[in-house]
Protein backbone atom coordinates (compact mmCIF):
# COMPACT_ATOMS: atom_id res chain seq x y z
CA MET A 1 19.42 26.83 -14.73
CA PRO A 2 19.65 26.49 -10.92
CA LYS A 3 21.25 23.27 -9.73
CA LYS A 4 18.27 22.41 -7.49
CA MET A 5 15.85 22.70 -10.43
CA THR A 6 18.14 20.61 -12.65
CA ILE A 7 18.24 17.82 -10.04
CA SER A 8 14.45 17.87 -9.72
CA MET A 9 14.00 17.61 -13.50
CA GLU A 10 16.46 14.72 -13.62
CA ARG A 11 14.45 12.91 -10.94
CA VAL A 12 11.24 13.40 -12.93
CA ARG A 13 12.84 12.07 -16.13
CA LEU A 14 14.32 9.10 -14.27
CA ALA A 15 10.95 8.32 -12.66
CA LYS A 16 9.23 8.42 -16.07
CA PHE A 17 11.84 6.05 -17.50
CA GLN A 18 11.35 3.68 -14.54
CA ASP A 19 7.58 3.76 -15.07
CA LEU A 20 8.15 2.75 -18.69
CA LEU A 21 10.44 -0.13 -17.71
CA ILE A 22 7.96 -1.44 -15.13
CA LEU A 23 5.17 -1.21 -17.70
CA VAL A 24 7.26 -3.28 -20.11
CA ALA A 25 7.86 -5.84 -17.33
CA ALA A 26 4.11 -6.02 -16.65
CA VAL A 27 3.38 -6.60 -20.34
CA LEU A 28 6.04 -9.33 -20.41
CA VAL A 29 4.53 -11.11 -17.39
CA PHE A 30 1.09 -10.80 -18.94
CA CYS A 31 2.29 -12.29 -22.24
CA ILE A 32 3.97 -15.23 -20.50
CA PHE A 33 0.80 -16.20 -18.63
CA ALA A 34 -1.40 -15.42 -21.63
CA VAL A 35 0.53 -17.91 -23.74
CA ALA A 36 1.03 -20.55 -21.02
CA LEU A 37 -2.56 -20.40 -19.72
CA ARG A 38 -4.45 -19.50 -22.88
CA ASN A 39 -6.67 -22.58 -22.53
CA ILE A 40 -7.23 -22.31 -18.76
CA GLY A 41 -9.10 -19.01 -18.57
CA PHE A 42 -6.37 -16.45 -17.82
CA LEU A 43 -7.33 -14.25 -20.77
CA THR A 44 -11.05 -14.10 -20.03
CA ALA A 45 -12.42 -10.64 -19.29
CA VAL A 46 -13.85 -11.81 -15.98
CA ASN A 47 -10.49 -13.13 -14.80
CA LEU A 48 -8.57 -10.01 -15.83
CA ILE A 49 -11.06 -7.72 -14.12
CA ASN A 50 -10.90 -9.89 -11.00
CA ILE A 51 -7.12 -9.45 -10.92
CA LEU A 52 -7.60 -5.67 -10.85
CA ASN A 53 -10.36 -5.92 -8.24
CA HIS A 54 -8.34 -8.17 -5.94
CA THR A 55 -5.17 -6.08 -6.15
CA SER A 56 -6.90 -2.76 -5.46
CA VAL A 57 -6.49 -2.80 -1.67
CA ILE A 58 -2.83 -3.81 -1.88
CA SER A 59 -2.32 -1.05 -4.44
CA ILE A 60 -3.77 1.57 -2.09
CA MET A 61 -1.34 0.58 0.66
CA ALA A 62 1.52 0.38 -1.84
CA VAL A 63 0.82 3.96 -2.93
CA ALA A 64 1.19 5.17 0.66
CA TYR A 65 4.32 3.07 1.10
CA VAL A 66 5.95 4.86 -1.84
CA PHE A 67 6.05 8.00 0.31
CA VAL A 68 7.38 6.10 3.34
CA LEU A 69 10.28 4.55 1.42
CA GLY A 70 10.77 7.73 -0.60
CA ALA A 71 11.44 9.62 2.63
CA GLY A 72 13.95 6.97 3.72
CA GLN A 73 11.63 5.50 6.36
CA ILE A 74 10.00 2.12 6.90
CA ASP A 75 6.70 1.02 8.44
CA LEU A 76 6.45 -2.66 9.35
CA SER A 77 3.10 -2.26 11.12
CA ILE A 78 0.92 -1.37 8.13
CA GLY A 79 -0.43 -4.93 7.91
CA VAL A 80 -1.63 -5.10 11.53
CA VAL A 81 -3.08 -1.59 11.27
CA VAL A 82 -5.36 -3.08 8.61
CA GLY A 83 -6.91 -5.41 11.20
CA LEU A 84 -7.07 -2.64 13.81
CA GLY A 85 -8.83 -0.26 11.43
CA SER A 86 -11.21 -3.02 10.43
CA VAL A 87 -12.40 -3.91 13.94
CA LEU A 88 -12.53 -0.35 15.28
CA SER A 89 -14.56 0.88 12.31
CA ALA A 90 -16.96 -2.04 12.85
CA LEU A 91 -17.30 -1.24 16.55
CA GLY A 92 -17.84 2.44 15.77
CA LEU A 93 -20.43 1.46 13.19
CA ARG A 94 -22.25 -0.73 15.70
CA HIS A 95 -22.46 1.91 18.44
CA PHE A 96 -22.51 5.24 16.56
CA GLY A 97 -23.70 4.50 13.04
CA PHE A 98 -22.08 5.22 9.70
CA ILE A 99 -20.31 8.44 10.67
CA GLY A 100 -18.99 6.85 13.85
CA GLY A 101 -17.66 3.85 11.95
CA VAL A 102 -15.84 5.96 9.37
CA ALA A 103 -14.45 8.30 12.04
CA ALA A 104 -13.22 5.39 14.17
CA GLY A 105 -11.50 3.66 11.25
CA LEU A 106 -9.78 6.73 9.83
CA GLY A 107 -9.15 8.20 13.27
CA ILE A 108 -7.14 5.22 14.45
CA GLY A 109 -5.03 5.47 11.31
CA ILE A 110 -4.17 9.09 12.10
CA ILE A 111 -3.47 8.28 15.76
CA VAL A 112 -1.16 5.40 14.88
CA GLY A 113 0.72 7.62 12.41
CA LEU A 114 1.18 10.32 15.04
CA PHE A 115 2.31 7.66 17.51
CA HIS A 116 4.97 6.41 15.12
CA GLY A 117 6.00 9.93 14.23
CA PHE A 118 6.49 10.83 17.89
CA PHE A 119 8.87 7.95 18.57
CA VAL A 120 10.80 8.41 15.32
CA VAL A 121 10.93 12.23 15.26
CA ARG A 122 10.95 13.24 18.92
CA LEU A 123 12.67 10.29 20.56
CA ARG A 124 14.94 9.57 17.59
CA ILE A 125 14.24 5.83 17.64
CA PRO A 126 14.82 4.09 14.27
CA PRO A 127 11.49 3.45 12.49
CA PHE A 128 12.38 -0.22 12.02
CA LEU A 129 12.46 -0.73 15.81
CA VAL A 130 9.39 1.42 16.47
CA THR A 131 7.13 -0.26 13.93
CA ILE A 132 8.30 -3.81 14.63
CA ALA A 133 7.34 -3.22 18.28
CA THR A 134 3.96 -1.72 17.44
CA MET A 135 3.20 -4.70 15.21
CA SER A 136 2.80 -6.78 18.34
CA VAL A 137 1.01 -4.04 20.28
CA PHE A 138 -1.65 -3.34 17.64
CA GLU A 139 -2.24 -6.98 16.84
CA GLY A 140 -2.71 -7.67 20.56
CA VAL A 141 -5.17 -4.78 20.88
CA SER A 142 -7.19 -6.04 17.90
CA ARG A 143 -7.35 -9.56 19.31
CA TRP A 144 -8.21 -8.30 22.80
CA ILE A 145 -11.11 -5.99 21.92
CA THR A 146 -12.73 -8.60 19.67
CA ASP A 147 -11.95 -11.69 21.76
CA LEU A 148 -10.79 -13.27 18.47
CA GLN A 149 -14.34 -13.05 17.07
CA ALA A 150 -15.52 -11.56 13.79
CA ILE A 151 -17.80 -8.51 13.92
CA SER A 152 -20.67 -8.48 11.42
CA ILE A 153 -21.21 -5.42 9.24
CA VAL A 154 -24.94 -4.88 8.84
CA ASN A 155 -24.88 -1.31 7.53
CA ASP A 156 -25.57 -1.47 3.78
CA THR A 157 -24.29 2.05 3.15
CA PHE A 158 -20.93 1.24 4.73
CA SER A 159 -20.67 -2.08 2.90
CA ASN A 160 -21.47 -0.56 -0.47
CA ILE A 161 -19.14 2.43 -0.18
CA PHE A 162 -16.25 0.46 1.28
CA GLY A 163 -15.95 -2.48 -1.05
CA GLY A 164 -19.30 -4.18 -1.50
CA LEU A 165 -20.71 -2.23 -4.43
CA ARG A 166 -20.12 -3.74 -7.86
CA MET A 167 -20.92 -2.06 -11.17
CA PHE A 168 -21.00 -2.80 -14.88
CA ASP A 169 -22.98 -6.04 -14.75
CA ASN A 170 -21.58 -6.83 -11.32
CA LYS A 171 -18.04 -7.15 -12.69
CA VAL A 172 -16.16 -4.06 -11.47
CA SER A 173 -15.79 -3.46 -7.73
CA ILE A 174 -15.89 0.00 -6.20
CA LEU A 175 -12.47 -0.92 -4.77
CA LEU A 176 -11.02 -0.29 -8.21
CA PHE A 177 -12.43 3.25 -8.24
CA TRP A 178 -11.02 3.95 -4.79
CA MET A 179 -7.61 2.75 -5.97
CA VAL A 180 -7.64 4.84 -9.15
CA GLY A 181 -8.72 7.98 -7.30
CA ILE A 182 -6.10 7.63 -4.56
CA ALA A 183 -3.41 6.76 -7.11
CA ILE A 184 -4.10 9.84 -9.23
CA ILE A 185 -4.05 12.20 -6.25
CA SER A 186 -0.89 10.61 -4.84
CA HIS A 187 0.88 10.63 -8.20
CA LEU A 188 0.19 14.34 -8.62
CA ALA A 189 1.25 15.00 -5.02
CA LEU A 190 4.56 13.21 -5.52
CA ARG A 191 5.38 14.59 -8.97
CA LYS A 192 3.76 18.03 -9.10
CA THR A 193 3.93 19.48 -5.59
CA THR A 194 6.73 20.82 -3.43
CA TRP A 195 5.70 18.34 -0.74
CA GLY A 196 6.55 15.44 -3.03
CA ILE A 197 9.94 16.99 -3.75
CA LYS A 198 10.52 17.40 -0.01
CA VAL A 199 9.71 13.73 0.63
CA LEU A 200 12.25 12.53 -1.93
CA SER A 201 14.81 15.13 -0.86
CA ILE A 202 14.71 13.83 2.72
CA GLY A 203 15.19 10.29 1.48
CA SER A 204 18.16 11.34 -0.65
CA ASN A 205 19.94 13.44 1.94
CA GLU A 206 18.23 14.26 5.22
CA GLU A 207 20.90 16.63 6.48
CA GLY A 208 21.00 18.39 3.16
CA ALA A 209 17.22 18.75 3.27
CA ARG A 210 17.43 20.32 6.74
CA PHE A 211 20.13 22.69 5.51
CA ALA A 212 17.88 23.66 2.59
CA GLY A 213 15.17 24.73 5.04
CA ILE A 214 12.84 21.72 4.70
CA ASN A 215 10.89 20.88 7.86
CA VAL A 216 12.08 17.27 7.96
CA ASP A 217 10.19 16.39 11.15
CA ARG A 218 6.87 17.54 9.73
CA VAL A 219 7.36 15.53 6.53
CA LYS A 220 8.21 12.40 8.52
CA TYR A 221 5.05 12.80 10.58
CA ALA A 222 3.08 13.16 7.35
CA VAL A 223 4.41 10.01 5.68
CA PHE A 224 3.77 7.90 8.79
CA ILE A 225 0.24 9.26 9.05
CA PHE A 226 -0.36 8.53 5.36
CA SER A 227 0.92 4.97 5.77
CA SER A 228 -1.19 4.18 8.85
CA LEU A 229 -4.21 5.93 7.36
CA ALA A 230 -3.89 3.79 4.23
CA GLY A 231 -3.64 0.65 6.39
CA ALA A 232 -6.73 1.54 8.43
CA PHE A 233 -8.62 2.46 5.26
CA ALA A 234 -7.65 -0.88 3.73
CA GLY A 235 -9.14 -2.57 6.81
CA MET A 236 -12.40 -0.70 6.21
CA LEU A 237 -12.38 -1.83 2.57
CA TYR A 238 -11.84 -5.45 3.59
CA SER A 239 -14.69 -5.15 6.10
CA GLY A 240 -17.05 -3.60 3.57
CA ARG A 241 -16.29 -6.21 0.94
CA MET A 242 -16.56 -9.17 3.33
CA GLU A 243 -19.40 -7.63 5.41
CA SER A 244 -17.50 -8.49 8.56
CA ALA A 245 -14.47 -7.19 10.45
CA ARG A 246 -11.62 -9.39 11.66
CA TYR A 247 -8.40 -8.69 13.51
CA SER A 248 -6.59 -10.99 11.05
CA TYR A 249 -7.22 -8.84 7.98
CA GLY A 250 -3.94 -7.62 6.52
CA ALA A 251 -1.82 -10.16 8.41
CA SER A 252 0.01 -11.23 5.26
CA ASP A 253 -0.18 -7.92 3.39
CA LEU A 254 3.04 -6.30 4.61
CA PHE A 255 5.44 -8.24 2.41
CA THR A 256 3.07 -8.08 -0.57
CA VAL A 257 2.93 -4.30 -0.26
CA ILE A 258 6.71 -4.01 0.06
CA ALA A 259 7.19 -6.36 -2.90
CA ALA A 260 4.78 -4.33 -5.05
CA VAL A 261 6.59 -1.10 -4.22
CA ILE A 262 10.07 -2.49 -4.87
CA ILE A 263 9.04 -4.34 -8.04
CA GLY A 264 7.54 -1.03 -9.12
CA GLY A 265 10.99 0.58 -9.22
CA ASN A 266 11.04 2.29 -5.84
CA SER A 267 14.27 2.34 -3.86
CA ILE A 268 14.52 0.66 -0.46
CA PHE A 269 17.10 3.29 0.44
CA GLY A 270 14.91 6.33 -0.14
CA GLY A 271 15.14 9.30 -2.47
CA LYS A 272 13.17 7.75 -5.34
CA GLY A 273 9.48 7.17 -5.77
CA THR A 274 6.94 6.27 -8.42
CA VAL A 275 3.26 5.78 -7.65
CA ILE A 276 2.54 4.40 -11.11
CA GLY A 277 5.32 1.87 -10.64
CA ALA A 278 3.86 0.72 -7.32
CA ILE A 279 0.44 0.20 -8.93
CA ILE A 280 1.97 -1.78 -11.79
CA GLY A 281 4.06 -3.76 -9.30
CA SER A 282 0.90 -4.67 -7.42
CA ILE A 283 -0.79 -5.77 -10.65
CA ILE A 284 2.25 -7.86 -11.60
CA LEU A 285 2.01 -9.69 -8.28
CA GLY A 286 -1.73 -10.10 -8.82
CA MET A 287 -1.15 -11.64 -12.24
CA ILE A 288 1.51 -13.98 -10.86
CA ASN A 289 -0.71 -15.14 -7.98
CA ASN A 290 -3.65 -15.61 -10.34
CA GLY A 291 -1.54 -17.42 -12.91
CA LEU A 292 -0.02 -19.76 -10.33
CA LEU A 293 -3.48 -20.52 -8.98
CA LEU A 294 -4.79 -21.37 -12.45
CA TRP A 295 -1.66 -23.43 -13.02
CA GLY A 296 -2.57 -25.56 -10.02
CA PHE A 297 -0.08 -24.27 -7.45
CA GLY A 298 -1.28 -24.19 -3.83
CA ILE A 299 -1.18 -21.30 -1.37
CA ASP A 300 2.07 -22.52 0.20
CA GLN A 301 3.76 -22.67 -3.19
CA GLN A 302 2.49 -19.18 -4.03
CA VAL A 303 4.08 -17.90 -0.80
CA VAL A 304 7.41 -19.44 -1.85
CA PHE A 305 7.23 -17.75 -5.25
CA ARG A 306 6.29 -14.43 -3.64
CA GLY A 307 9.27 -14.68 -1.29
CA LEU A 308 11.61 -15.35 -4.20
CA ILE A 309 10.16 -12.41 -6.10
CA ILE A 310 10.74 -10.11 -3.11
CA LEU A 311 14.34 -11.35 -2.82
CA ILE A 312 15.01 -10.74 -6.50
CA ALA A 313 13.37 -7.30 -6.34
CA VAL A 314 15.47 -6.30 -3.31
CA VAL A 315 18.68 -7.41 -5.05
CA ILE A 316 17.74 -5.45 -8.18
CA SER A 317 16.88 -2.41 -6.09
CA ALA A 318 20.21 -2.59 -4.26
CA GLU A 319 22.14 -2.94 -7.52
CA ARG A 320 20.16 -0.10 -9.11
CA ASP A 321 21.00 2.27 -6.23
């Protein structure tokens, strides 16, 4: 059997094993809160469905981030792109209708991804420096064009499609269906296509990937576009669900997304990736936040716990690699 094929099969088996471990961790977290909060409503169907609904947007961004980290890159601007996508889609909706709103939201995601790709690929600037700089730029643009004001969403079609529609006795949000659809497509892309293999190959050994004939620059462009597109799309989902657009949407999502991806078994050093793990990582964080809230912990205390979880996850990831 060719060495390249053997390595690919080993990666698939390792990813499946990681998915199993993360699933066991999720079940363990669930059992802890189920026992500790059995009399406070954690186990009710409504609460469990709400956890899935509320983690859907984070999960969508986490799925895209799997490809970014898998390729050995980083995107610190995904959170502010959420706000930018939110306000631009709302402005497009106001002036050009439904099609204009969707085109503006998704279009800015693609443009931002190309922008990042240009600086990283063509100018050879480290992605950490590029995206930490654009964090400030994009947040400033969002604040400037809205004058710090919310923009109302009055288009029912947009609101329903992008977050407002609820089904099954008003319990299940359309956000959950968006998340499942994107997760399935991304999982198949990462595991079953040559593009997914190329992404992980670049993260494992960029020079080796170039030597093997992989168009490294094109793949880097693609992962940055996917990341920014997911951020802008998340902004549209927030807008649809809340029926208003705000520059502040996504402001605290960056570290939650990174935590979900790392908790899900993805490497911060590239070369490994699991979409299923990222989804489960997001749900684990959702259960923890929900459980802490039911336990009586405030927002500030939840932030402390989330920071500790990220620290632990990073240490585990470093030791694992």
